[in-house]
Amino acid sequence: MDDPKNNQLMAICTVITVILTFITVAYVIIDHLPQKSFTSPTQSNSTLQNNTDTLTNTGILTKIGILTSIVHGTVYEWNSFKPLNNAIIEVNSTPPQSVVAKDANYSFNLTPGTYLITAQYLEGRTLVYEARETVVISNQGEYVHDLFLFPPYEE
């Protein structure tokens, strides 16, 4: 007849073996990922953007079957078409991403879906220009989406 304590011990040993095997496989996969560096003018502006860039550019998201696209563009003033340096650009991705477009350029890595990109240009604490645009990402690739910011409209 089976001893219950012996059965419990065997079950615990099996669980520990499975966990150790999983950890070993995870280390092997991580150790074999390509080591690529990614730099962009916007990368230093947001830790969240850095984390997303790292996941995408090391191939982790692609390796697990998540297709990503790069959405990038330039932020312009509506009437002069002058690039607006230091505009704040946000996208409602999961997790949300934001960046300060120091040289008027922005870039986000997104999976397929529909997103709202918002942009604000401030002088001090005063909102001078803004934009809200919907972007649909349907396939993996590169999407150029320039933003034209207008004076805020109050209803």
N, C-alpha and C. Protein backbone atom coordinates (compact mmCIF):
# COMPACT_ATOMS: atom_id res chain seq x y z
N MET A 1 0.84 -1.18 0.00
CA MET A 1 0.00 0.00 0.00
C MET A 1 0.88 1.24 0.00
N ASP A 2 0.45 2.31 -0.72
CA ASP A 2 1.23 3.53 -0.84
C ASP A 2 1.17 4.32 0.46
N ASP A 3 2.31 4.88 0.82
CA ASP A 3 2.41 5.73 2.00
C ASP A 3 2.03 7.15 1.61
N PRO A 4 1.03 7.81 2.25
CA PRO A 4 0.61 9.17 1.88
C PRO A 4 1.74 10.19 1.98
N LYS A 5 2.59 10.04 2.99
CA LYS A 5 3.70 10.98 3.13
C LYS A 5 4.68 10.83 1.98
N ASN A 6 4.89 9.60 1.55
CA ASN A 6 5.79 9.35 0.42
C ASN A 6 5.21 9.94 -0.86
N ASN A 7 3.90 9.83 -1.04
CA ASN A 7 3.24 10.40 -2.22
C ASN A 7 3.34 11.92 -2.22
N GLN A 8 3.16 12.53 -1.06
CA GLN A 8 3.28 13.99 -0.97
C GLN A 8 4.70 14.44 -1.30
N LEU A 9 5.67 13.71 -0.77
CA LEU A 9 7.07 14.03 -1.04
C LEU A 9 7.39 13.92 -2.52
N MET A 10 6.87 12.87 -3.17
CA MET A 10 7.10 12.68 -4.61
C MET A 10 6.44 13.81 -5.41
N ALA A 11 5.25 14.25 -4.99
CA ALA A 11 4.56 15.34 -5.68
C ALA A 11 5.34 16.64 -5.54
N ILE A 12 5.86 16.90 -4.36
CA ILE A 12 6.66 18.11 -4.15
C ILE A 12 7.93 18.06 -4.99
N CYS A 13 8.59 16.92 -5.04
CA CYS A 13 9.81 16.77 -5.85
C CYS A 13 9.50 16.99 -7.34
N THR A 14 8.37 16.50 -7.80
CA THR A 14 7.98 16.68 -9.19
C THR A 14 7.75 18.15 -9.51
N VAL A 15 7.06 18.86 -8.62
CA VAL A 15 6.81 20.29 -8.82
C VAL A 15 8.13 21.06 -8.85
N ILE A 16 9.03 20.75 -7.93
CA ILE A 16 10.33 21.43 -7.90
C ILE A 16 11.11 21.14 -9.17
N THR A 17 11.06 19.92 -9.66
CA THR A 17 11.77 19.56 -10.90
C THR A 17 11.20 20.35 -12.08
N VAL A 18 9.89 20.48 -12.16
CA VAL A 18 9.27 21.23 -13.25
C VAL A 18 9.67 22.70 -13.17
N ILE A 19 9.66 23.28 -12.00
CA ILE A 19 10.04 24.69 -11.84
C ILE A 19 11.49 24.90 -12.23
N LEU A 20 12.39 24.03 -11.77
CA LEU A 20 13.80 24.16 -12.12
C LEU A 20 14.02 24.00 -13.63
N THR A 21 13.28 23.10 -14.25
CA THR A 21 13.39 22.92 -15.70
C THR A 21 12.94 24.19 -16.42
N PHE A 22 11.83 24.77 -15.97
CA PHE A 22 11.33 26.00 -16.57
C PHE A 22 12.36 27.12 -16.44
N ILE A 23 12.95 27.28 -15.26
CA ILE A 23 13.95 28.32 -15.04
C ILE A 23 15.16 28.10 -15.94
N THR A 24 15.60 26.86 -16.07
CA THR A 24 16.75 26.55 -16.92
C THR A 24 16.45 26.89 -18.38
N VAL A 25 15.28 26.52 -18.86
CA VAL A 25 14.89 26.83 -20.24
C VAL A 25 14.82 28.34 -20.44
N ALA A 26 14.28 29.07 -19.48
CA ALA A 26 14.19 30.53 -19.59
C ALA A 26 15.58 31.15 -19.68
N TYR A 27 16.52 30.68 -18.86
CA TYR A 27 17.88 31.20 -18.93
C TYR A 27 18.54 30.91 -20.27
N VAL A 28 18.30 29.73 -20.81
CA VAL A 28 18.88 29.37 -22.11
C VAL A 28 18.31 30.27 -23.20
N ILE A 29 17.01 30.51 -23.18
CA ILE A 29 16.38 31.37 -24.19
C ILE A 29 16.92 32.79 -24.07
N ILE A 30 16.96 33.33 -22.87
CA ILE A 30 17.46 34.70 -22.67
C ILE A 30 18.92 34.80 -23.09
N ASP A 31 19.71 33.79 -22.76
CA ASP A 31 21.13 33.81 -23.09
C ASP A 31 21.37 33.80 -24.60
N HIS A 32 20.43 33.25 -25.38
CA HIS A 32 20.60 33.16 -26.83
C HIS A 32 19.92 34.27 -27.61
N LEU A 33 19.28 35.23 -26.91
CA LEU A 33 18.68 36.35 -27.62
C LEU A 33 19.77 37.24 -28.18
N PRO A 34 19.54 37.81 -29.38
CA PRO A 34 20.54 38.71 -29.94
C PRO A 34 20.67 39.96 -29.07
N GLN A 35 21.88 40.42 -28.90
CA GLN A 35 22.14 41.62 -28.13
C GLN A 35 22.30 42.79 -29.11
N LYS A 36 21.26 43.60 -29.23
CA LYS A 36 21.28 44.75 -30.12
C LYS A 36 21.11 46.00 -29.28
N SER A 37 21.78 47.04 -29.68
CA SER A 37 21.56 48.31 -28.99
C SER A 37 20.68 49.19 -29.88
N PHE A 38 19.90 50.03 -29.23
CA PHE A 38 18.98 50.89 -29.96
C PHE A 38 19.11 52.29 -29.40
N THR A 39 19.37 53.23 -30.26
CA THR A 39 19.42 54.61 -29.81
C THR A 39 18.54 55.44 -30.72
N SER A 40 17.87 56.36 -30.12
CA SER A 40 17.06 57.30 -30.88
C SER A 40 17.04 58.60 -30.10
N PRO A 41 16.72 59.70 -30.75
CA PRO A 41 16.68 60.97 -30.03
C PRO A 41 15.66 60.97 -28.90
N THR A 42 14.62 60.16 -29.03
CA THR A 42 13.56 60.16 -28.03
C THR A 42 13.78 59.14 -26.94
N GLN A 43 14.74 58.24 -27.12
CA GLN A 43 14.87 57.13 -26.18
C GLN A 43 15.17 57.59 -24.76
N SER A 44 16.01 58.58 -24.60
CA SER A 44 16.39 59.00 -23.25
C SER A 44 15.28 59.77 -22.55
N ASN A 45 14.22 60.10 -23.24
CA ASN A 45 13.17 60.92 -22.66
C ASN A 45 12.15 60.15 -21.84
N SER A 46 12.11 58.83 -21.98
CA SER A 46 11.07 58.10 -21.27
C SER A 46 11.54 56.70 -20.95
N THR A 47 11.53 56.36 -19.67
CA THR A 47 11.91 55.02 -19.26
C THR A 47 10.97 54.00 -19.89
N LEU A 48 9.70 54.33 -19.94
CA LEU A 48 8.73 53.43 -20.54
C LEU A 48 9.05 53.18 -22.00
N GLN A 49 9.39 54.22 -22.73
CA GLN A 49 9.77 54.06 -24.13
C GLN A 49 11.03 53.21 -24.23
N ASN A 50 12.00 53.41 -23.32
CA ASN A 50 13.22 52.61 -23.34
C ASN A 50 12.89 51.13 -23.18
N ASN A 51 12.00 50.81 -22.24
CA ASN A 51 11.66 49.41 -22.01
C ASN A 51 10.99 48.81 -23.24
N THR A 52 10.09 49.56 -23.86
CA THR A 52 9.43 49.06 -25.06
C THR A 52 10.42 48.88 -26.19
N ASP A 53 11.32 49.86 -26.39
CA ASP A 53 12.34 49.76 -27.43
C ASP A 53 13.21 48.53 -27.19
N THR A 54 13.60 48.28 -25.94
CA THR A 54 14.46 47.14 -25.63
C THR A 54 13.75 45.85 -25.98
N LEU A 55 12.48 45.70 -25.58
CA LEU A 55 11.74 44.48 -25.89
C LEU A 55 11.61 44.27 -27.39
N THR A 56 11.31 45.32 -28.11
CA THR A 56 11.10 45.20 -29.55
C THR A 56 12.40 44.96 -30.29
N ASN A 57 13.43 45.71 -29.97
CA ASN A 57 14.66 45.66 -30.75
C ASN A 57 15.58 44.51 -30.39
N THR A 58 15.33 43.82 -29.29
CA THR A 58 16.07 42.61 -29.01
C THR A 58 15.35 41.41 -29.60
N GLY A 59 14.18 41.64 -30.15
CA GLY A 59 13.43 40.57 -30.79
C GLY A 59 12.55 39.78 -29.85
N ILE A 60 12.46 40.17 -28.58
CA ILE A 60 11.67 39.39 -27.63
C ILE A 60 10.22 39.34 -28.05
N LEU A 61 9.62 40.49 -28.39
CA LEU A 61 8.21 40.48 -28.78
C LEU A 61 7.99 39.68 -30.05
N THR A 62 8.90 39.77 -31.01
CA THR A 62 8.77 39.02 -32.25
C THR A 62 8.93 37.52 -31.98
N LYS A 63 9.87 37.15 -31.11
CA LYS A 63 10.11 35.74 -30.82
C LYS A 63 8.90 35.07 -30.18
N ILE A 64 8.11 35.84 -29.42
CA ILE A 64 6.94 35.23 -28.79
C ILE A 64 5.68 35.45 -29.61
N GLY A 65 5.84 35.90 -30.85
CA GLY A 65 4.72 35.97 -31.77
C GLY A 65 3.96 37.28 -31.76
N ILE A 66 4.47 38.30 -31.13
CA ILE A 66 3.79 39.59 -31.12
C ILE A 66 4.40 40.45 -32.22
N LEU A 67 3.58 40.84 -33.19
CA LEU A 67 4.05 41.68 -34.28
C LEU A 67 4.05 43.12 -33.83
N THR A 68 5.16 43.80 -34.05
CA THR A 68 5.24 45.21 -33.67
C THR A 68 5.51 46.06 -34.89
N SER A 69 5.09 47.30 -34.80
CA SER A 69 5.32 48.28 -35.85
C SER A 69 5.92 49.52 -35.23
N ILE A 70 6.64 50.27 -36.04
CA ILE A 70 7.18 51.54 -35.60
C ILE A 70 6.31 52.64 -36.18
N VAL A 71 5.80 53.50 -35.32
CA VAL A 71 5.05 54.68 -35.74
C VAL A 71 5.92 55.87 -35.38
N HIS A 72 6.24 56.68 -36.37
CA HIS A 72 7.09 57.84 -36.11
C HIS A 72 6.68 58.99 -37.00
N GLY A 73 7.13 60.17 -36.63
CA GLY A 73 6.82 61.34 -37.43
C GLY A 73 7.43 62.59 -36.84
N THR A 74 7.05 63.71 -37.42
CA THR A 74 7.52 65.02 -37.00
C THR A 74 6.33 65.84 -36.55
N VAL A 75 6.53 66.69 -35.56
CA VAL A 75 5.48 67.53 -35.02
C VAL A 75 5.66 68.94 -35.59
N TYR A 76 4.57 69.49 -36.19
CA TYR A 76 4.64 70.79 -36.85
C TYR A 76 3.62 71.76 -36.26
N GLU A 77 3.95 73.06 -36.36
CA GLU A 77 2.99 74.11 -36.06
C GLU A 77 2.04 74.21 -37.25
N TRP A 78 0.77 74.39 -36.99
CA TRP A 78 -0.26 74.30 -38.02
C TRP A 78 -0.14 75.35 -39.12
N ASN A 79 0.23 76.60 -38.82
CA ASN A 79 0.17 77.63 -39.85
C ASN A 79 1.51 77.92 -40.53
N SER A 80 2.61 77.61 -39.87
CA SER A 80 3.92 77.90 -40.47
C SER A 80 4.64 76.64 -40.93
N PHE A 81 4.12 75.47 -40.56
CA PHE A 81 4.75 74.18 -40.83
C PHE A 81 6.14 74.09 -40.20
N LYS A 82 6.37 74.92 -39.20
CA LYS A 82 7.64 74.93 -38.48
C LYS A 82 7.65 73.74 -37.52
N PRO A 83 8.75 72.95 -37.49
CA PRO A 83 8.84 71.86 -36.51
C PRO A 83 8.77 72.40 -35.09
N LEU A 84 8.02 71.72 -34.24
CA LEU A 84 7.87 72.14 -32.85
C LEU A 84 8.73 71.25 -31.94
N ASN A 85 9.87 71.79 -31.55
CA ASN A 85 10.74 71.07 -30.63
C ASN A 85 10.11 71.01 -29.24
N ASN A 86 10.36 69.92 -28.54
CA ASN A 86 9.93 69.73 -27.16
C ASN A 86 8.42 69.57 -26.98
N ALA A 87 7.73 69.13 -28.00
CA ALA A 87 6.31 68.80 -27.85
C ALA A 87 6.22 67.48 -27.07
N ILE A 88 5.15 67.32 -26.33
CA ILE A 88 4.92 66.10 -25.55
C ILE A 88 3.96 65.23 -26.33
N ILE A 89 4.39 64.02 -26.68
CA ILE A 89 3.58 63.10 -27.48
C ILE A 89 3.25 61.88 -26.62
N GLU A 90 1.99 61.47 -26.63
CA GLU A 90 1.55 60.31 -25.86
C GLU A 90 0.70 59.41 -26.75
N VAL A 91 0.75 58.12 -26.46
CA VAL A 91 -0.10 57.16 -27.16
C VAL A 91 -0.73 56.25 -26.10
N ASN A 92 -1.98 55.90 -26.29
CA ASN A 92 -2.72 55.12 -25.31
C ASN A 92 -2.50 53.61 -25.49
N SER A 93 -1.28 53.21 -25.70
CA SER A 93 -0.94 51.80 -25.81
C SER A 93 -0.98 51.15 -24.43
N THR A 94 -0.78 49.86 -24.37
CA THR A 94 -0.68 49.15 -23.10
C THR A 94 0.70 48.56 -22.98
N PRO A 95 1.55 49.07 -22.11
CA PRO A 95 1.33 50.22 -21.24
C PRO A 95 1.40 51.51 -22.04
N PRO A 96 0.87 52.61 -21.50
CA PRO A 96 0.93 53.89 -22.21
C PRO A 96 2.38 54.32 -22.43
N GLN A 97 2.62 55.01 -23.54
CA GLN A 97 3.95 55.50 -23.86
C GLN A 97 3.89 57.02 -24.03
N SER A 98 4.96 57.69 -23.66
CA SER A 98 5.05 59.13 -23.88
C SER A 98 6.50 59.50 -24.13
N VAL A 99 6.67 60.63 -24.83
CA VAL A 99 8.01 61.08 -25.17
C VAL A 99 7.98 62.59 -25.37
N VAL A 100 9.08 63.23 -25.04
CA VAL A 100 9.26 64.64 -25.36
C VAL A 100 10.05 64.67 -26.67
N ALA A 101 9.46 65.22 -27.71
CA ALA A 101 10.09 65.25 -29.04
C ALA A 101 11.08 66.42 -29.09
N LYS A 102 12.26 66.22 -28.53
CA LYS A 102 13.25 67.31 -28.43
C LYS A 102 13.57 67.93 -29.78
N ASP A 103 13.69 67.12 -30.80
CA ASP A 103 14.02 67.63 -32.14
C ASP A 103 12.80 67.60 -33.06
N ALA A 104 11.62 67.63 -32.45
CA ALA A 104 10.33 67.61 -33.16
C ALA A 104 9.99 66.25 -33.74
N ASN A 105 10.81 65.23 -33.50
CA ASN A 105 10.53 63.88 -34.00
C ASN A 105 10.14 62.96 -32.85
N TYR A 106 9.24 62.04 -33.13
CA TYR A 106 8.81 61.07 -32.13
C TYR A 106 8.79 59.68 -32.76
N SER A 107 8.76 58.66 -31.91
CA SER A 107 8.71 57.28 -32.38
C SER A 107 8.14 56.40 -31.28
N PHE A 108 7.22 55.51 -31.68
CA PHE A 108 6.64 54.53 -30.76
C PHE A 108 6.66 53.16 -31.42
N ASN A 109 6.78 52.12 -30.62
CA ASN A 109 6.63 50.74 -31.07
C ASN A 109 5.25 50.27 -30.63
N LEU A 110 4.44 49.83 -31.59
CA LEU A 110 3.06 49.45 -31.29
C LEU A 110 2.71 48.11 -31.94
N THR A 111 1.83 47.38 -31.29
CA THR A 111 1.27 46.17 -31.87
C THR A 111 0.04 46.56 -32.68
N PRO A 112 -0.46 45.66 -33.55
CA PRO A 112 -1.66 46.02 -34.32
C PRO A 112 -2.82 46.42 -33.41
N GLY A 113 -3.53 47.46 -33.83
CA GLY A 113 -4.66 47.97 -33.05
C GLY A 113 -4.96 49.40 -33.42
N THR A 114 -5.91 49.99 -32.72
CA THR A 114 -6.29 51.38 -32.93
C THR A 114 -5.85 52.18 -31.71
N TYR A 115 -5.15 53.28 -31.95
CA TYR A 115 -4.56 54.08 -30.88
C TYR A 115 -4.92 55.55 -31.04
N LEU A 116 -4.92 56.25 -29.92
CA LEU A 116 -5.08 57.70 -29.92
C LEU A 116 -3.72 58.31 -29.57
N ILE A 117 -3.20 59.09 -30.51
CA ILE A 117 -1.96 59.82 -30.27
C ILE A 117 -2.34 61.25 -29.92
N THR A 118 -1.84 61.74 -28.78
CA THR A 118 -2.09 63.11 -28.39
C THR A 118 -0.75 63.85 -28.33
N ALA A 119 -0.79 65.12 -28.70
CA ALA A 119 0.41 65.94 -28.68
C ALA A 119 0.08 67.29 -28.07
N GLN A 120 1.00 67.80 -27.27
CA GLN A 120 0.83 69.12 -26.67
C GLN A 120 2.14 69.88 -26.78
N TYR A 121 2.01 71.16 -27.06
CA TYR A 121 3.17 72.05 -27.08
C TYR A 121 2.90 73.15 -26.06
N LEU A 122 3.78 73.26 -25.08
CA LEU A 122 3.61 74.22 -24.01
C LEU A 122 4.69 75.29 -24.07
N GLU A 123 4.31 76.49 -23.67
CA GLU A 123 5.28 77.55 -23.41
C GLU A 123 5.13 77.86 -21.93
N GLY A 124 6.11 77.46 -21.15
CA GLY A 124 5.97 77.51 -19.70
C GLY A 124 4.93 76.49 -19.30
N ARG A 125 3.87 76.96 -18.65
CA ARG A 125 2.76 76.07 -18.27
C ARG A 125 1.52 76.32 -19.11
N THR A 126 1.68 77.11 -20.16
CA THR A 126 0.55 77.47 -21.01
C THR A 126 0.50 76.56 -22.24
N LEU A 127 -0.65 75.95 -22.46
CA LEU A 127 -0.86 75.13 -23.65
C LEU A 127 -1.02 76.03 -24.86
N VAL A 128 -0.13 75.90 -25.83
CA VAL A 128 -0.15 76.74 -27.02
C VAL A 128 -0.77 76.01 -28.20
N TYR A 129 -0.38 74.74 -28.40
CA TYR A 129 -0.90 73.94 -29.50
C TYR A 129 -1.18 72.53 -29.00
N GLU A 130 -2.10 71.88 -29.70
CA GLU A 130 -2.42 70.50 -29.36
C GLU A 130 -2.96 69.76 -30.57
N ALA A 131 -2.96 68.43 -30.48
CA ALA A 131 -3.55 67.58 -31.52
C ALA A 131 -3.95 66.25 -30.89
N ARG A 132 -4.99 65.66 -31.47
CA ARG A 132 -5.45 64.31 -31.09
C ARG A 132 -5.78 63.60 -32.38
N GLU A 133 -5.09 62.50 -32.62
CA GLU A 133 -5.32 61.77 -33.87
C GLU A 133 -5.36 60.28 -33.61
N THR A 134 -6.28 59.63 -34.31
CA THR A 134 -6.40 58.18 -34.22
C THR A 134 -5.52 57.54 -35.30
N VAL A 135 -4.80 56.51 -34.88
CA VAL A 135 -3.93 55.78 -35.80
C VAL A 135 -4.32 54.31 -35.75
N VAL A 136 -4.48 53.69 -36.91
CA VAL A 136 -4.80 52.26 -36.98
C VAL A 136 -3.57 51.52 -37.50
N ILE A 137 -3.08 50.58 -36.71
CA ILE A 137 -1.95 49.74 -37.09
C ILE A 137 -2.54 48.39 -37.48
N SER A 138 -2.43 48.04 -38.75
CA SER A 138 -3.03 46.78 -39.20
C SER A 138 -2.00 45.69 -39.48
N ASN A 139 -0.79 46.06 -39.82
CA ASN A 139 0.25 45.09 -40.14
C ASN A 139 1.57 45.52 -39.52
N GLN A 140 2.48 44.57 -39.45
CA GLN A 140 3.82 44.89 -38.99
C GLN A 140 4.49 45.77 -40.03
N GLY A 141 5.25 46.76 -39.60
CA GLY A 141 5.94 47.63 -40.54
C GLY A 141 6.27 48.97 -39.93
N GLU A 142 6.50 49.92 -40.80
CA GLU A 142 6.86 51.27 -40.38
C GLU A 142 5.79 52.23 -40.87
N TYR A 143 5.26 53.03 -39.96
CA TYR A 143 4.21 53.99 -40.28
C TYR A 143 4.73 55.39 -40.01
N VAL A 144 4.65 56.28 -41.01
CA VAL A 144 5.03 57.68 -40.82
C VAL A 144 3.75 58.46 -40.59
N HIS A 145 3.68 59.14 -39.45
CA HIS A 145 2.47 59.88 -39.10
C HIS A 145 2.89 61.24 -38.52
N ASP A 146 2.98 62.25 -39.40
CA ASP A 146 3.32 63.59 -38.96
C ASP A 146 2.11 64.21 -38.25
N LEU A 147 2.39 65.06 -37.27
CA LEU A 147 1.34 65.69 -36.49
C LEU A 147 1.37 67.20 -36.69
N PHE A 148 0.22 67.78 -36.97
CA PHE A 148 0.08 69.22 -37.10
C PHE A 148 -0.72 69.71 -35.89
N LEU A 149 -0.07 70.54 -35.08
CA LEU A 149 -0.69 71.01 -33.85
C LEU A 149 -1.37 72.35 -34.07
N PHE A 150 -2.58 72.47 -33.49
CA PHE A 150 -3.40 73.67 -33.62
C PHE A 150 -3.59 74.32 -32.25
N PRO A 151 -3.98 75.61 -32.24
CA PRO A 151 -4.30 76.23 -30.94
C PRO A 151 -5.43 75.46 -30.29
N PRO A 152 -5.44 75.40 -28.95
CA PRO A 152 -6.51 74.65 -28.28
C PRO A 152 -7.88 75.26 -28.56
N TYR A 153 -8.85 74.41 -28.71
CA TYR A 153 -10.22 74.83 -29.02
C TYR A 153 -11.08 74.56 -27.79
N GLU A 154 -11.72 75.58 -27.29
CA GLU A 154 -12.60 75.43 -26.14
C GLU A 154 -14.04 75.53 -26.60
N GLU A 155 -14.84 74.54 -26.24
CA GLU A 155 -16.25 74.53 -26.63
C GLU A 155 -17.09 75.32 -25.69
